[in-house]
PDB file of all heavy atoms in Angstrom:
ATOM      1  N   ALA A   1      26.749  12.468  -5.453  1.00  0.00           N
ATOM      2  CA  ALA A   1      25.787  11.730  -6.214  1.00  0.00           C
ATOM      3  C   ALA A   1      26.050  11.966  -7.695  1.00  0.00           C
ATOM      4  O   ALA A   1      25.915  11.060  -8.498  1.00  0.00           O
ATOM      5  CB  ALA A   1      24.342  12.180  -5.839  1.00  0.00           C
ATOM      6  N   LEU A   2      26.430  13.124  -8.056  1.00  0.00           N
ATOM      7  CA  LEU A   2      26.725  13.369  -9.416  1.00  0.00           C
ATOM      8  C   LEU A   2      27.899  12.596  -9.913  1.00  0.00           C
ATOM      9  O   LEU A   2      27.888  12.085 -11.019  1.00  0.00           O
ATOM     10  CB  LEU A   2      27.086  14.904  -9.643  1.00  0.00           C
ATOM     11  CG  LEU A   2      27.417  15.375 -11.074  1.00  0.00           C
ATOM     12  CD1 LEU A   2      26.287  15.021 -12.079  1.00  0.00           C
ATOM     13  CD2 LEU A   2      27.701  16.851 -11.042  1.00  0.00           C
ATOM     14  N   LEU A   3      28.956  12.508  -9.101  1.00  0.00           N
ATOM     15  CA  LEU A   3      30.112  11.677  -9.411  1.00  0.00           C
ATOM     16  C   LEU A   3      29.724  10.284  -9.614  1.00  0.00           C
ATOM     17  O   LEU A   3      30.219   9.563 -10.443  1.00  0.00           O
ATOM     18  CB  LEU A   3      31.166  11.827  -8.278  1.00  0.00           C
ATOM     19  CG  LEU A   3      31.974  13.174  -8.324  1.00  0.00           C
ATOM     20  CD1 LEU A   3      32.748  13.208  -6.934  1.00  0.00           C
ATOM     21  CD2 LEU A   3      32.875  13.207  -9.534  1.00  0.00           C
ATOM     22  N   ALA A   4      28.835   9.754  -8.704  1.00  0.00           N
ATOM     23  CA  ALA A   4      28.322   8.402  -8.860  1.00  0.00           C
ATOM     24  C   ALA A   4      27.659   8.132 -10.211  1.00  0.00           C
ATOM     25  O   ALA A   4      27.930   7.118 -10.901  1.00  0.00           O
ATOM     26  CB  ALA A   4      27.372   8.033  -7.744  1.00  0.00           C
ATOM     27  N   CYS A   5      26.874   9.107 -10.634  1.00  0.00           N
ATOM     28  CA  CYS A   5      26.234   9.008 -11.977  1.00  0.00           C
ATOM     29  C   CYS A   5      27.300   8.924 -13.064  1.00  0.00           C
ATOM     30  O   CYS A   5      27.244   8.155 -14.037  1.00  0.00           O
ATOM     31  CB  CYS A   5      25.272  10.131 -12.220  1.00  0.00           C
ATOM     32  SG  CYS A   5      23.762  10.204 -11.241  1.00  0.00           S
ATOM     33  N   GLN A   6      28.258   9.817 -13.014  1.00  0.00           N
ATOM     34  CA  GLN A   6      29.358   9.923 -13.921  1.00  0.00           C
ATOM     35  C   GLN A   6      30.223   8.576 -13.960  1.00  0.00           C
ATOM     36  O   GLN A   6      30.907   8.422 -14.985  1.00  0.00           O
ATOM     37  CB  GLN A   6      30.275  11.106 -13.730  1.00  0.00           C
ATOM     38  CG  GLN A   6      29.462  12.447 -13.922  1.00  0.00           C
ATOM     39  CD  GLN A   6      30.271  13.573 -13.445  1.00  0.00           C
ATOM     40  OE1 GLN A   6      31.132  13.565 -12.554  1.00  0.00           O
ATOM     41  NE2 GLN A   6      29.888  14.831 -13.968  1.00  0.00           N
ATOM     42  N   HIS A   7      30.190   7.847 -12.905  1.00  0.00           N
ATOM     43  CA  HIS A   7      30.924   6.577 -12.860  1.00  0.00           C
ATOM     44  C   HIS A   7      30.029   5.318 -12.937  1.00  0.00           C
ATOM     45  O   HIS A   7      30.341   4.231 -12.557  1.00  0.00           O
ATOM     46  CB  HIS A   7      31.795   6.519 -11.552  1.00  0.00           C
ATOM     47  CG  HIS A   7      32.976   7.395 -11.579  1.00  0.00           C
ATOM     48  ND1 HIS A   7      32.924   8.771 -11.353  1.00  0.00           N
ATOM     49  CD2 HIS A   7      34.260   7.175 -11.818  1.00  0.00           C
ATOM     50  CE1 HIS A   7      34.074   9.280 -11.438  1.00  0.00           C
ATOM     51  NE2 HIS A   7      34.949   8.367 -11.775  1.00  0.00           N
ATOM     52  N   ASP A   8      28.854   5.663 -13.625  1.00  0.00           N
ATOM     53  CA  ASP A   8      27.943   4.514 -13.978  1.00  0.00           C
ATOM     54  C   ASP A   8      27.239   3.793 -12.844  1.00  0.00           C
ATOM     55  O   ASP A   8      26.834   2.645 -12.946  1.00  0.00           O
ATOM     56  CB  ASP A   8      28.792   3.445 -14.799  1.00  0.00           C
ATOM     57  CG  ASP A   8      27.816   2.639 -15.737  1.00  0.00           C
ATOM     58  OD1 ASP A   8      26.832   3.286 -16.234  1.00  0.00           O
ATOM     59  OD2 ASP A   8      28.177   1.499 -16.078  1.00  0.00           O
ATOM     60  N   TYR A   9      27.111   4.546 -11.762  1.00  0.00           N
ATOM     61  CA  TYR A   9      26.263   3.989 -10.671  1.00  0.00           C
ATOM     62  C   TYR A   9      24.845   4.567 -10.732  1.00  0.00           C
ATOM     63  O   TYR A   9      24.634   5.765 -10.860  1.00  0.00           O
ATOM     64  CB  TYR A   9      26.865   4.393  -9.295  1.00  0.00           C
ATOM     65  CG  TYR A   9      28.142   3.677  -8.968  1.00  0.00           C
ATOM     66  CD1 TYR A   9      29.365   4.387  -8.976  1.00  0.00           C
ATOM     67  CD2 TYR A   9      28.121   2.373  -8.569  1.00  0.00           C
ATOM     68  CE1 TYR A   9      30.529   3.794  -8.708  1.00  0.00           C
ATOM     69  CE2 TYR A   9      29.343   1.705  -8.226  1.00  0.00           C
ATOM     70  CZ  TYR A   9      30.591   2.514  -8.326  1.00  0.00           C
ATOM     71  OH  TYR A   9      31.728   1.883  -7.967  1.00  0.00           O
ATOM     72  N   LYS A  10      23.916   3.670 -10.751  1.00  0.00           N
ATOM     73  CA  LYS A  10      22.473   4.105 -10.761  1.00  0.00           C
ATOM     74  C   LYS A  10      22.204   4.731  -9.358  1.00  0.00           C
ATOM     75  O   LYS A  10      22.393   4.284  -8.274  1.00  0.00           O
ATOM     76  CB  LYS A  10      21.592   2.902 -10.902  1.00  0.00           C
ATOM     77  CG  LYS A  10      20.085   3.300 -10.963  1.00  0.00           C
ATOM     78  CD  LYS A  10      19.192   2.102 -11.187  1.00  0.00           C
ATOM     79  CE  LYS A  10      17.724   2.499 -11.259  1.00  0.00           C
ATOM     80  NZ  LYS A  10      16.822   1.236 -11.374  1.00  0.00           N
ATOM     81  N   THR A  11      21.696   6.056  -9.477  1.00  0.00           N
ATOM     82  CA  THR A  11      21.671   6.919  -8.283  1.00  0.00           C
ATOM     83  C   THR A  11      20.287   7.529  -8.228  1.00  0.00           C
ATOM     84  O   THR A  11      19.672   7.774  -9.264  1.00  0.00           O
ATOM     85  CB  THR A  11      22.766   7.987  -8.330  1.00  0.00           C
ATOM     86  OG1 THR A  11      24.011   7.358  -8.406  1.00  0.00           O
ATOM     87  CG2 THR A  11      22.659   8.883  -7.137  1.00  0.00           C
ATOM     88  N   TYR A  12      19.734   7.828  -7.024  1.00  0.00           N
ATOM     89  CA  TYR A  12      18.479   8.472  -6.881  1.00  0.00           C
ATOM     90  C   TYR A  12      18.521   9.423  -5.700  1.00  0.00           C
ATOM     91  O   TYR A  12      19.077   9.141  -4.635  1.00  0.00           O
ATOM     92  CB  TYR A  12      17.315   7.470  -6.602  1.00  0.00           C
ATOM     93  CG  TYR A  12      15.914   8.118  -6.873  1.00  0.00           C
ATOM     94  CD1 TYR A  12      15.378   8.201  -8.129  1.00  0.00           C
ATOM     95  CD2 TYR A  12      15.212   8.582  -5.778  1.00  0.00           C
ATOM     96  CE1 TYR A  12      14.203   8.821  -8.284  1.00  0.00           C
ATOM     97  CE2 TYR A  12      14.022   9.126  -5.945  1.00  0.00           C
ATOM     98  CZ  TYR A  12      13.482   9.242  -7.295  1.00  0.00           C
ATOM     99  OH  TYR A  12      12.310   9.813  -7.398  1.00  0.00           O
ATOM    100  N   TYR A  13      18.008  10.671  -5.953  1.00  0.00           N
ATOM    101  CA  TYR A  13      18.000  11.707  -4.999  1.00  0.00           C
ATOM    102  C   TYR A  13      16.626  12.020  -4.551  1.00  0.00           C
ATOM    103  O   TYR A  13      15.634  12.128  -5.332  1.00  0.00           O
ATOM    104  CB  TYR A  13      18.632  12.988  -5.545  1.00  0.00           C
ATOM    105  CG  TYR A  13      18.474  14.230  -4.644  1.00  0.00           C
ATOM    106  CD1 TYR A  13      19.491  14.527  -3.747  1.00  0.00           C
ATOM    107  CD2 TYR A  13      17.381  15.008  -4.750  1.00  0.00           C
ATOM    108  CE1 TYR A  13      19.322  15.634  -2.872  1.00  0.00           C
ATOM    109  CE2 TYR A  13      17.143  16.153  -3.937  1.00  0.00           C
ATOM    110  CZ  TYR A  13      18.120  16.374  -2.955  1.00  0.00           C
ATOM    111  OH  TYR A  13      18.020  17.485  -2.154  1.00  0.00           O
ATOM    112  N   THR A  14      16.438  12.265  -3.203  1.00  0.00           N
ATOM    113  CA  THR A  14      15.116  12.672  -2.730  1.00  0.00           C
ATOM    114  C   THR A  14      15.357  13.423  -1.420  1.00  0.00           C
ATOM    115  O   THR A  14      16.398  13.217  -0.726  1.00  0.00           O
ATOM    116  CB  THR A  14      14.224  11.497  -2.499  1.00  0.00           C
ATOM    117  OG1 THR A  14      12.931  11.962  -1.962  1.00  0.00           O
ATOM    118  CG2 THR A  14      14.830  10.557  -1.401  1.00  0.00           C
ATOM    119  N   THR A  15      14.433  14.354  -1.069  1.00  0.00           N
ATOM    120  CA  THR A  15      14.503  14.904   0.233  1.00  0.00           C
ATOM    121  C   THR A  15      13.694  13.886   1.172  1.00  0.00           C
ATOM    122  O   THR A  15      12.934  13.019   0.731  1.00  0.00           O
ATOM    123  CB  THR A  15      13.815  16.198   0.361  1.00  0.00           C
ATOM    124  OG1 THR A  15      12.402  16.084   0.030  1.00  0.00           O
ATOM    125  CG2 THR A  15      14.473  17.242  -0.559  1.00  0.00           C
ATOM    126  N   CYS A  16      13.931  13.975   2.525  1.00  0.00           N
ATOM    127  CA  CYS A  16      13.364  13.092   3.431  1.00  0.00           C
ATOM    128  C   CYS A  16      11.837  13.302   3.412  1.00  0.00           C
ATOM    129  O   CYS A  16      11.113  12.245   3.419  1.00  0.00           O
ATOM    130  CB  CYS A  16      13.922  13.374   4.818  1.00  0.00           C
ATOM    131  SG  CYS A  16      13.349  12.127   6.063  1.00  0.00           S
ATOM    132  N   SER A  17      11.328  14.521   3.365  1.00  0.00           N
ATOM    133  CA  SER A  17       9.861  14.677   3.394  1.00  0.00           C
ATOM    134  C   SER A  17       9.255  14.261   2.087  1.00  0.00           C
ATOM    135  O   SER A  17       8.118  13.673   2.088  1.00  0.00           O
ATOM    136  CB  SER A  17       9.587  16.241   3.512  1.00  0.00           C
ATOM    137  OG  SER A  17      10.228  17.032   2.487  1.00  0.00           O
ATOM    138  N   ASP A  18       9.983  14.423   0.897  1.00  0.00           N
ATOM    139  CA  ASP A  18       9.360  13.910  -0.377  1.00  0.00           C
ATOM    140  C   ASP A  18       9.201  12.398  -0.360  1.00  0.00           C
ATOM    141  O   ASP A  18       8.272  11.810  -0.825  1.00  0.00           O
ATOM    142  CB  ASP A  18      10.178  14.352  -1.565  1.00  0.00           C
ATOM    143  CG  ASP A  18       9.972  15.761  -1.877  1.00  0.00           C
ATOM    144  OD1 ASP A  18       9.009  16.401  -1.388  1.00  0.00           O
ATOM    145  OD2 ASP A  18      10.825  16.301  -2.654  1.00  0.00           O
ATOM    146  N   LEU A  19      10.302  11.707   0.189  1.00  0.00           N
ATOM    147  CA  LEU A  19      10.265  10.283   0.251  1.00  0.00           C
ATOM    148  C   LEU A  19       9.082   9.802   1.169  1.00  0.00           C
ATOM    149  O   LEU A  19       8.361   8.915   0.745  1.00  0.00           O
ATOM    150  CB  LEU A  19      11.544   9.791   0.917  1.00  0.00           C
ATOM    151  CG  LEU A  19      11.755   8.271   1.106  1.00  0.00           C
ATOM    152  CD1 LEU A  19      13.217   7.868   0.862  1.00  0.00           C
ATOM    153  CD2 LEU A  19      11.252   7.801   2.484  1.00  0.00           C
ATOM    154  N   ILE A  20       8.895  10.428   2.318  1.00  0.00           N
ATOM    155  CA  ILE A  20       7.840   9.956   3.216  1.00  0.00           C
ATOM    156  C   ILE A  20       6.525  10.300   2.682  1.00  0.00           C
ATOM    157  O   ILE A  20       5.605   9.356   2.704  1.00  0.00           O
ATOM    158  CB  ILE A  20       7.984  10.619   4.626  1.00  0.00           C
ATOM    159  CG1 ILE A  20       9.295  10.060   5.291  1.00  0.00           C
ATOM    160  CG2 ILE A  20       6.813  10.504   5.484  1.00  0.00           C
ATOM    161  CD1 ILE A  20       9.603  10.754   6.631  1.00  0.00           C
ATOM    162  N   ASN A  21       6.332  11.479   2.103  1.00  0.00           N
ATOM    163  CA  ASN A  21       4.968  11.738   1.452  1.00  0.00           C
ATOM    164  C   ASN A  21       4.705  10.853   0.271  1.00  0.00           C
ATOM    165  O   ASN A  21       3.588  10.385   0.091  1.00  0.00           O
ATOM    166  CB  ASN A  21       5.030  13.180   0.944  1.00  0.00           C
ATOM    167  CG  ASN A  21       4.976  14.175   2.154  1.00  0.00           C
ATOM    168  OD1 ASN A  21       4.444  13.898   3.168  1.00  0.00           O
ATOM    169  ND2 ASN A  21       5.503  15.375   1.837  1.00  0.00           N
ATOM    170  N   ASP A  22       5.744  10.418  -0.479  1.00  0.00           N
ATOM    171  CA  ASP A  22       5.571   9.539  -1.566  1.00  0.00           C
ATOM    172  C   ASP A  22       5.138   8.128  -1.108  1.00  0.00           C
ATOM    173  O   ASP A  22       4.213   7.531  -1.630  1.00  0.00           O
ATOM    174  CB  ASP A  22       6.861   9.433  -2.396  1.00  0.00           C
ATOM    175  CG  ASP A  22       6.723   8.595  -3.588  1.00  0.00           C
ATOM    176  OD1 ASP A  22       5.645   8.656  -4.291  1.00  0.00           O
ATOM    177  OD2 ASP A  22       7.647   7.906  -3.971  1.00  0.00           O
ATOM    178  N   LEU A  23       5.731   7.690  -0.108  1.00  0.00           N
ATOM    179  CA  LEU A  23       5.416   6.364   0.503  1.00  0.00           C
ATOM    180  C   LEU A  23       4.083   6.364   1.127  1.00  0.00           C
ATOM    181  O   LEU A  23       3.295   5.359   1.096  1.00  0.00           O
ATOM    182  CB  LEU A  23       6.505   5.894   1.471  1.00  0.00           C
ATOM    183  CG  LEU A  23       7.940   5.647   0.816  1.00  0.00           C
ATOM    184  CD1 LEU A  23       8.872   5.029   1.850  1.00  0.00           C
ATOM    185  CD2 LEU A  23       7.822   4.708  -0.380  1.00  0.00           C
ATOM    186  N   ASN A  24       3.734   7.434   1.837  1.00  0.00           N
ATOM    187  CA  ASN A  24       2.381   7.577   2.373  1.00  0.00           C
ATOM    188  C   ASN A  24       1.315   7.512   1.322  1.00  0.00           C
ATOM    189  O   ASN A  24       0.323   6.816   1.464  1.00  0.00           O
ATOM    190  CB  ASN A  24       2.307   8.927   3.128  1.00  0.00           C
ATOM    191  CG  ASN A  24       2.387   8.745   4.620  1.00  0.00           C
ATOM    192  OD1 ASN A  24       1.911   7.744   5.151  1.00  0.00           O
ATOM    193  ND2 ASN A  24       2.933   9.755   5.265  1.00  0.00           N
ATOM    194  N   ALA A  25       1.556   8.126   0.169  1.00  0.00           N
ATOM    195  CA  ALA A  25       0.615   8.063  -0.945  1.00  0.00           C
ATOM    196  C   ALA A  25       0.509   6.664  -1.409  1.00  0.00           C
ATOM    197  O   ALA A  25      -0.507   6.140  -1.803  1.00  0.00           O
ATOM    198  CB  ALA A  25       1.080   8.985  -2.086  1.00  0.00           C
ATOM    199  N   GLY A  26       1.671   5.922  -1.356  1.00  0.00           N
ATOM    200  CA  GLY A  26       1.651   4.531  -1.843  1.00  0.00           C
ATOM    201  C   GLY A  26       0.799   3.651  -0.880  1.00  0.00           C
ATOM    202  O   GLY A  26       0.174   2.728  -1.405  1.00  0.00           O
ATOM    203  N   VAL A  27       0.795   3.979   0.336  1.00  0.00           N
ATOM    204  CA  VAL A  27      -0.069   3.204   1.254  1.00  0.00           C
ATOM    205  C   VAL A  27      -1.526   3.370   0.915  1.00  0.00           C
ATOM    206  O   VAL A  27      -2.283   2.400   0.847  1.00  0.00           O
ATOM    207  CB  VAL A  27       0.274   3.663   2.791  1.00  0.00           C
ATOM    208  CG1 VAL A  27      -0.800   2.975   3.706  1.00  0.00           C
ATOM    209  CG2 VAL A  27       1.609   3.287   3.130  1.00  0.00           C
ATOM    210  N   TYR A  28      -1.994   4.608   0.739  1.00  0.00           N
ATOM    211  CA  TYR A  28      -3.305   4.839   0.483  1.00  0.00           C
ATOM    212  C   TYR A  28      -3.781   4.385  -0.974  1.00  0.00           C
ATOM    213  O   TYR A  28      -4.875   3.976  -1.152  1.00  0.00           O
ATOM    214  CB  TYR A  28      -3.614   6.349   0.647  1.00  0.00           C
ATOM    215  CG  TYR A  28      -3.507   6.842   2.018  1.00  0.00           C
ATOM    216  CD1 TYR A  28      -2.509   7.691   2.448  1.00  0.00           C
ATOM    217  CD2 TYR A  28      -4.386   6.421   3.049  1.00  0.00           C
ATOM    218  CE1 TYR A  28      -2.350   8.152   3.780  1.00  0.00           C
ATOM    219  CE2 TYR A  28      -4.315   6.871   4.348  1.00  0.00           C
ATOM    220  CZ  TYR A  28      -3.308   7.669   4.689  1.00  0.00           C
ATOM    221  OH  TYR A  28      -3.176   8.148   6.025  1.00  0.00           O
ATOM    222  N   GLU A  29      -2.826   4.451  -1.853  1.00  0.00           N
ATOM    223  CA  GLU A  29      -3.139   3.998  -3.273  1.00  0.00           C
ATOM    224  C   GLU A  29      -2.832   2.569  -3.532  1.00  0.00           C
ATOM    225  O   GLU A  29      -2.959   2.070  -4.683  1.00  0.00           O
ATOM    226  CB  GLU A  29      -2.398   4.897  -4.195  1.00  0.00           C
ATOM    227  CG  GLU A  29      -2.816   6.357  -4.171  1.00  0.00           C
ATOM    228  CD  GLU A  29      -1.897   7.288  -4.955  1.00  0.00           C
ATOM    229  OE1 GLU A  29      -1.056   6.760  -5.801  1.00  0.00           O
ATOM    230  OE2 GLU A  29      -2.060   8.547  -4.919  1.00  0.00           O
ATOM    231  N   LYS A  30      -2.305   1.895  -2.529  1.00  0.00           N
ATOM    232  CA  LYS A  30      -1.915   0.492  -2.629  1.00  0.00           C
ATOM    233  C   LYS A  30      -0.797   0.262  -3.735  1.00  0.00           C
ATOM    234  O   LYS A  30      -0.883  -0.701  -4.446  1.00  0.00           O
ATOM    235  CB  LYS A  30      -3.119  -0.487  -2.897  1.00  0.00           C
ATOM    236  CG  LYS A  30      -4.262  -0.334  -1.816  1.00  0.00           C
ATOM    237  CD  LYS A  30      -5.312  -1.335  -2.061  1.00  0.00           C
ATOM    238  CE  LYS A  30      -6.428  -1.100  -1.042  1.00  0.00           C
ATOM    239  NZ  LYS A  30      -5.958  -1.199   0.357  1.00  0.00           N
ATOM    240  N   THR A  31       0.113   1.233  -3.704  1.00  0.00           N
ATOM    241  CA  THR A  31       1.204   1.153  -4.733  1.00  0.00           C
ATOM    242  C   THR A  31       2.556   1.212  -3.934  1.00  0.00           C
ATOM    243  O   THR A  31       3.570   1.614  -4.498  1.00  0.00           O
ATOM    244  CB  THR A  31       1.101   2.187  -5.717  1.00  0.00           C
ATOM    245  OG1 THR A  31       1.159   3.508  -5.012  1.00  0.00           O
ATOM    246  CG2 THR A  31      -0.044   2.162  -6.603  1.00  0.00           C
ATOM    247  N   LEU A  32       2.538   0.854  -2.665  1.00  0.00           N
ATOM    248  CA  LEU A  32       3.701   0.976  -1.829  1.00  0.00           C
ATOM    249  C   LEU A  32       4.884   0.197  -2.326  1.00  0.00           C
ATOM    250  O   LEU A  32       5.972   0.700  -2.432  1.00  0.00           O
ATOM    251  CB  LEU A  32       3.402   0.579  -0.374  1.00  0.00           C
ATOM    252  CG  LEU A  32       4.563   0.766   0.564  1.00  0.00           C
ATOM    253  CD1 LEU A  32       5.039   2.192   0.650  1.00  0.00           C
ATOM    254  CD2 LEU A  32       4.168   0.300   1.968  1.00  0.00           C
ATOM    255  N   ALA A  33       4.696  -1.041  -2.725  1.00  0.00           N
ATOM    256  CA  ALA A  33       5.813  -1.867  -3.197  1.00  0.00           C
ATOM    257  C   ALA A  33       6.471  -1.308  -4.460  1.00  0.00           C
ATOM    258  O   ALA A  33       7.732  -1.326  -4.501  1.00  0.00           O
ATOM    259  CB  ALA A  33       5.254  -3.315  -3.503  1.00  0.00           C
ATOM    260  N   LYS A  34       5.646  -0.801  -5.303  1.00  0.00           N
ATOM    261  CA  LYS A  34       6.156  -0.220  -6.552  1.00  0.00           C
ATOM    262  C   LYS A  34       7.007   1.050  -6.263  1.00  0.00           C
ATOM    263  O   LYS A  34       8.052   1.267  -6.776  1.00  0.00           O
ATOM    264  CB  LYS A  34       5.043   0.102  -7.508  1.00  0.00           C
ATOM    265  CG  LYS A  34       5.521   0.749  -8.783  1.00  0.00           C
ATOM    266  CD  LYS A  34       4.356   1.076  -9.687  1.00  0.00           C
ATOM    267  CE  LYS A  34       4.757   1.796 -10.985  1.00  0.00           C
ATOM    268  NZ  LYS A  34       3.625   2.154 -11.895  1.00  0.00           N
ATOM    269  N   ARG A  35       6.481   1.856  -5.375  1.00  0.00           N
ATOM    270  CA  ARG A  35       7.131   3.105  -4.954  1.00  0.00           C
ATOM    271  C   ARG A  35       8.460   2.857  -4.230  1.00  0.00           C
ATOM    272  O   ARG A  35       9.408   3.553  -4.419  1.00  0.00           O
ATOM    273  CB  ARG A  35       6.244   3.985  -4.160  1.00  0.00           C
ATOM    274  CG  ARG A  35       5.002   4.581  -5.001  1.00  0.00           C
ATOM    275  CD  ARG A  35       4.055   5.301  -4.037  1.00  0.00           C
ATOM    276  NE  ARG A  35       2.859   5.715  -4.696  1.00  0.00           N
ATOM    277  CZ  ARG A  35       2.618   6.963  -5.113  1.00  0.00           C
ATOM    278  NH1 ARG A  35       3.550   7.967  -4.874  1.00  0.00           N
ATOM    279  NH2 ARG A  35       1.511   7.259  -5.741  1.00  0.00           N
ATOM    280  N   MET A  36       8.456   1.741  -3.443  1.00  0.00           N
ATOM    281  CA  MET A  36       9.661   1.512  -2.629  1.00  0.00           C
ATOM    282  C   MET A  36      10.853   1.078  -3.521  1.00  0.00           C
ATOM    283  O   MET A  36      11.956   1.379  -3.256  1.00  0.00           O
ATOM    284  CB  MET A  36       9.408   0.304  -1.622  1.00  0.00           C
ATOM    285  CG  MET A  36       8.639   0.774  -0.431  1.00  0.00           C
ATOM    286  SD  MET A  36       8.573  -0.603   0.788  1.00  0.00           S
ATOM    287  CE  MET A  36      10.335  -0.875   1.044  1.00  0.00           C
ATOM    288  N   ARG A  37      10.512   0.434  -4.693  1.00  0.00           N
ATOM    289  CA  ARG A  37      11.593   0.007  -5.551  1.00  0.00           C
ATOM    290  C   ARG A  37      12.383   1.235  -6.090  1.00  0.00           C
ATOM    291  O   ARG A  37      13.581   1.044  -6.413  1.00  0.00           O
ATOM    292  CB  ARG A  37      11.037  -0.815  -6.692  1.00  0.00           C
ATOM    293  CG  ARG A  37      10.636  -2.191  -6.323  1.00  0.00           C
ATOM    294  CD  ARG A  37      10.385  -3.143  -7.501  1.00  0.00           C
ATOM    295  NE  ARG A  37       9.224  -2.757  -8.288  1.00  0.00           N
ATOM    296  CZ  ARG A  37       7.978  -3.120  -8.063  1.00  0.00           C
ATOM    297  NH1 ARG A  37       7.774  -3.957  -7.010  1.00  0.00           N
ATOM    298  NH2 ARG A  37       6.953  -2.740  -8.777  1.00  0.00           N
TER     299      ARG A  37
END
């Protein structure tokens, strides 16, 4: 992922649990579409 950043690729890192918790919050807060992007 670091190499990808160094070669101008837009990259994003997350743990599986952080991703799921974030999207779950999006469901309850009605911000799922924004969080998915």
